[in-house]
Protein backbone atom coordinates (compact mmCIF):
# COMPACT_ATOMS: atom_id res chain seq x y z
CA MET A 1 61.88 -1.09 10.52
CA ARG A 2 59.77 0.99 8.12
CA ALA A 3 58.30 -2.16 6.61
CA LEU A 4 57.31 -3.45 10.03
CA PHE A 5 55.72 -0.06 10.83
CA LEU A 6 53.64 -0.19 7.65
CA VAL A 7 52.51 -3.74 8.43
CA PHE A 8 51.47 -2.58 11.89
CA LEU A 9 49.43 0.28 10.40
CA PHE A 10 47.69 -2.11 8.03
CA LEU A 11 46.87 -4.55 10.79
CA ALA A 12 45.68 -1.83 13.14
CA ALA A 13 43.47 0.00 10.63
CA PRO A 14 39.75 -0.15 11.53
CA ALA A 15 37.53 -2.25 9.27
CA LEU A 16 35.59 -0.36 6.68
CA ALA A 17 31.88 -0.09 7.24
CA GLU A 18 29.72 -2.35 5.08
CA GLN A 19 28.40 -0.18 2.25
CA PRO A 20 24.68 -0.20 1.45
CA GLN A 21 23.64 -1.30 -2.00
CA ASN A 22 23.86 1.44 -4.65
CA ILE A 23 20.49 3.12 -5.11
CA ALA A 24 20.74 2.98 -8.89
CA ASP A 25 21.32 -0.75 -8.67
CA LEU A 26 18.32 -1.09 -6.36
CA ARG A 27 16.12 0.78 -8.86
CA SER A 28 17.22 -1.61 -11.61
CA GLU A 29 16.47 -4.56 -9.36
CA ILE A 30 13.02 -3.22 -8.56
CA ILE A 31 12.20 -2.63 -12.20
CA GLY A 32 13.30 -6.16 -13.05
CA TYR A 33 11.15 -7.58 -10.26
CA ILE A 34 8.13 -5.71 -11.60
CA ASP A 35 8.69 -6.35 -15.30
CA SER A 36 9.28 -10.07 -14.77
CA GLY A 37 5.75 -10.48 -13.45
CA SER A 38 7.06 -11.55 -10.02
CA TYR A 39 5.56 -8.51 -8.27
CA SER A 40 2.05 -9.27 -9.56
CA ALA A 41 2.49 -12.98 -8.82
CA ASP A 42 3.50 -12.19 -5.24
CA GLN A 43 0.51 -9.90 -4.79
CA MET A 44 -1.79 -12.72 -5.99
CA GLN A 45 -0.12 -15.23 -3.71
CA ALA A 46 -0.69 -12.93 -0.76
CA VAL A 47 -4.33 -12.39 -1.63
CA GLN A 48 -5.46 -15.96 -2.38
CA PRO A 49 -5.63 -17.20 1.29
CA GLY A 50 -7.68 -14.14 2.06
CA ILE A 51 -10.29 -14.98 -0.55
CA THR A 52 -10.69 -18.44 1.00
CA TRP A 53 -10.95 -16.88 4.45
CA LEU A 54 -13.58 -14.37 3.42
CA GLU A 55 -15.78 -17.01 1.79
CA TRP A 56 -15.46 -19.29 4.85
CA ARG A 57 -16.06 -16.43 7.29
CA ALA A 58 -19.17 -15.26 5.39
CA ALA A 59 -20.59 -18.82 5.46
CA GLN A 60 -20.06 -18.92 9.26
CA SER A 61 -21.66 -15.56 10.03
CA ILE A 62 -24.69 -15.41 12.26
CA PRO A 63 -27.97 -13.77 11.24
CA GLY A 64 -27.72 -9.99 11.46
CA GLU A 65 -23.91 -9.94 11.67
CA LYS A 66 -22.38 -7.26 9.44
CA LEU A 67 -18.97 -8.21 8.08
CA ALA A 68 -16.44 -5.81 6.60
CA LEU A 69 -13.24 -5.94 4.58
CA VAL A 70 -10.91 -2.96 4.95
CA LEU A 71 -8.54 -2.04 2.11
CA ASP A 72 -5.74 0.48 1.89
CA ILE A 73 -5.65 2.26 -1.46
CA ASP A 74 -2.18 3.11 -2.80
CA GLU A 75 -0.24 0.05 -3.93
CA THR A 76 -3.00 -2.07 -2.40
CA SER A 77 -6.17 -1.23 -4.38
CA LEU A 78 -4.68 1.25 -6.89
CA SER A 79 -1.29 1.11 -8.53
CA ASN A 80 0.65 4.30 -9.00
CA MET A 81 3.36 2.57 -11.06
CA ALA A 82 3.33 5.08 -13.91
CA ALA A 83 4.18 7.94 -11.52
CA GLN A 84 6.58 5.81 -9.49
CA ARG A 85 8.62 4.88 -12.55
CA ALA A 86 8.55 8.36 -13.99
CA ASN A 87 10.05 9.66 -10.74
CA GLY A 88 12.62 6.88 -10.30
CA PHE A 89 10.65 5.79 -7.22
CA SER A 90 11.16 9.16 -5.49
CA TYR A 91 8.35 11.28 -3.99
CA PHE A 92 7.49 14.93 -4.10
CA ARG A 93 4.05 16.37 -3.51
CA THR A 94 3.76 19.65 -5.47
CA GLY A 95 4.36 20.54 -9.09
CA ALA A 96 3.19 19.25 -12.47
CA CYS A 97 2.71 15.82 -13.93
CA ASP A 98 2.40 16.48 -17.64
CA HIS A 99 5.22 14.53 -19.31
CA LEU A 100 4.32 10.93 -18.64
CA PRO A 101 5.81 8.38 -19.17
CA ASN A 102 8.66 10.73 -18.23
CA GLY A 103 8.95 12.75 -15.01
CA PRO A 104 8.62 14.77 -13.07
CA CYS A 105 5.24 13.76 -11.79
CA ALA A 106 4.18 15.39 -8.52
CA TRP A 107 1.91 13.38 -6.26
CA ASP A 108 -1.00 15.85 -5.96
CA ALA A 109 -1.09 16.33 -9.74
CA TRP A 110 -0.95 12.59 -10.31
CA VAL A 111 -3.88 11.92 -8.04
CA ALA A 112 -5.92 14.66 -9.76
CA LEU A 113 -5.34 12.91 -13.11
CA GLY A 114 -7.11 9.83 -11.81
CA GLN A 115 -4.95 7.50 -13.93
CA ALA A 116 -3.92 4.97 -11.27
CA THR A 117 -4.81 1.43 -12.36
CA ALA A 118 -6.42 -1.31 -10.35
CA VAL A 119 -4.17 -3.80 -8.55
CA ALA A 120 -5.68 -6.81 -10.27
CA PRO A 121 -5.38 -9.32 -7.37
CA THR A 122 -7.03 -6.84 -4.99
CA LEU A 123 -9.90 -6.18 -7.42
CA GLU A 124 -10.49 -9.90 -7.55
CA PHE A 125 -10.40 -9.91 -3.78
CA PHE A 126 -12.87 -7.02 -3.63
CA ASN A 127 -15.30 -8.80 -6.00
CA ALA A 128 -15.06 -12.00 -3.93
CA ALA A 129 -15.93 -10.05 -0.78
CA ARG A 130 -18.97 -8.41 -2.42
CA ALA A 131 -20.13 -11.74 -3.85
CA SER A 132 -20.02 -13.13 -0.25
CA GLY A 133 -22.09 -10.26 1.06
CA ILE A 134 -19.18 -8.60 2.83
CA ASP A 135 -19.08 -4.79 2.81
CA VAL A 136 -15.87 -3.08 1.78
CA PHE A 137 -14.33 0.05 3.29
CA PHE A 138 -11.29 1.97 2.08
CA ILE A 139 -8.95 3.71 4.57
CA THR A 140 -6.31 5.78 2.88
CA GLY A 141 -3.51 8.19 3.73
CA ARG A 142 -4.67 10.37 0.87
CA GLY A 143 -5.90 13.74 2.18
CA GLU A 144 -9.53 14.91 2.23
CA SER A 145 -8.81 17.25 -0.68
CA MET A 146 -8.19 14.14 -2.80
CA HIS A 147 -11.47 12.47 -1.87
CA GLU A 148 -13.43 13.22 -5.04
CA ALA A 149 -10.60 12.35 -7.42
CA THR A 150 -9.94 9.14 -5.51
CA VAL A 151 -13.60 8.05 -5.64
CA THR A 152 -13.71 8.72 -9.39
CA ASN A 153 -10.51 6.73 -9.95
CA LEU A 154 -11.72 3.75 -7.88
CA GLU A 155 -15.00 3.59 -9.73
CA ALA A 156 -13.32 3.99 -13.13
CA VAL A 157 -11.16 0.91 -12.65
CA GLY A 158 -13.92 -1.35 -11.41
CA TYR A 159 -14.34 -0.85 -7.64
CA ALA A 160 -18.12 -0.52 -7.29
CA ASP A 161 -20.70 -0.82 -4.58
CA TRP A 162 -18.40 -0.26 -1.62
CA ALA A 163 -19.58 0.92 1.78
CA GLY A 164 -17.28 3.81 2.62
CA ILE A 165 -13.96 5.58 2.23
CA THR A 166 -11.97 7.36 4.92
CA THR A 167 -9.46 9.97 3.84
CA LYS A 168 -6.92 11.58 6.09
CA PRO A 169 -7.94 14.95 7.64
CA GLU A 170 -5.89 17.78 6.14
CA GLY A 171 -3.17 18.95 8.54
CA LEU A 172 -3.36 15.88 10.75
CA LYS A 173 0.16 15.03 12.04
CA VAL A 174 0.85 11.50 13.27
CA GLU A 175 4.07 9.59 13.97
CA SER A 176 2.71 6.56 12.18
CA ALA A 177 -0.09 5.84 9.71
CA ALA A 178 -1.30 3.33 12.34
CA ASP A 179 -2.17 6.29 14.60
CA TYR A 180 -4.77 7.39 12.08
CA LYS A 181 -5.84 4.11 10.48
CA ALA A 182 -6.44 2.07 13.66
CA PRO A 183 -8.95 4.59 15.07
CA ALA A 184 -10.63 4.65 11.64
CA ARG A 185 -11.11 0.91 11.78
CA LEU A 186 -12.41 1.23 15.37
CA ALA A 187 -15.05 3.70 14.08
CA ILE A 188 -16.17 1.09 11.49
CA GLU A 189 -16.52 -1.50 14.23
CA GLU A 190 -18.37 0.96 16.49
CA SER A 191 -20.88 1.45 13.66
CA GLY A 192 -21.83 -2.20 14.02
CA TYR A 193 -19.42 -4.08 11.75
CA THR A 194 -17.01 -6.88 12.42
CA ILE A 195 -13.85 -6.31 10.36
CA VAL A 196 -12.92 -9.83 9.26
CA LEU A 197 -9.89 -8.80 7.23
CA ASN A 198 -7.65 -5.74 6.84
CA VAL A 199 -5.38 -5.51 3.82
CA GLY A 200 -2.48 -3.11 3.09
CA ASP A 201 1.00 -2.87 1.61
CA GLN A 202 2.63 -1.28 4.67
CA PRO A 203 3.01 -2.79 8.17
CA SER A 204 1.57 0.50 9.46
CA ASP A 205 -1.64 -0.19 7.50
CA LEU A 206 -2.19 -3.27 9.63
CA ALA A 207 -0.90 -2.23 13.08
CA GLY A 208 -3.19 -1.34 15.93
CA GLY A 209 -5.76 -4.09 15.82
CA TYR A 210 -9.49 -4.00 14.96
CA ALA A 211 -9.45 -6.86 12.46
CA GLU A 212 -9.79 -10.60 12.81
CA ARG A 213 -7.04 -11.15 10.24
CA THR A 214 -4.57 -9.13 8.20
CA ILE A 215 -2.76 -9.47 4.87
CA LEU A 216 0.39 -7.58 3.94
CA LEU A 217 0.93 -7.13 0.17
CA PRO A 218 4.46 -6.70 -1.19
CA ASN A 219 5.74 -3.20 -1.90
CA PRO A 220 9.37 -2.92 -2.97
CA MET A 221 9.19 0.83 -3.67
CA TYR A 222 8.65 2.74 -0.43
CA ARG A 223 7.99 2.42 3.31
CA ILE A 224 5.55 4.53 5.33
CA PRO A 225 6.10 4.56 9.11
């Protein structure tokens, strides 16, 4: 009887929930993806159709039409990989960043250092746009207090002769980055431009319209609503 009771308990026990992948294993997987060159290759693969589109669209423009390319900054135009890896792909805003390549490396301090590197496929994309006579605008979630450091960093890694940069007003609270970035694109269009392409690494960079086409770059490290 006892044996039958135990069998009944075993059969009646609820199924265990499927466990998510261990975060340490995920970090190792991400590092492998980056170090293998696959991350950079996937970025280039995402960008290449956009270069073709920009060149074609510029050739089809009518006299007087002002065309624009909109780029996100972090993990789209600039890579923060040094800080990301130092922090084990975690995020915190305040504190120091003075032990690289080891952490901790706080976000505000990292931006102030101006050591982010260019995302090579995007820089190629940027140069193709400028060669085609298309103006480039940056729209970033970085706050206004980071404006000067961001401009210096962009110019230092090769982004030159762009038309404008929009930083996020300090204290602005939004449910999604799209709630801030879409109106910023609208403002560019209202100034007389046609945005032919909008490029970012987050779906929220692209949501909300005001671009003829969009490109989503890979980002295995974080997600911004």
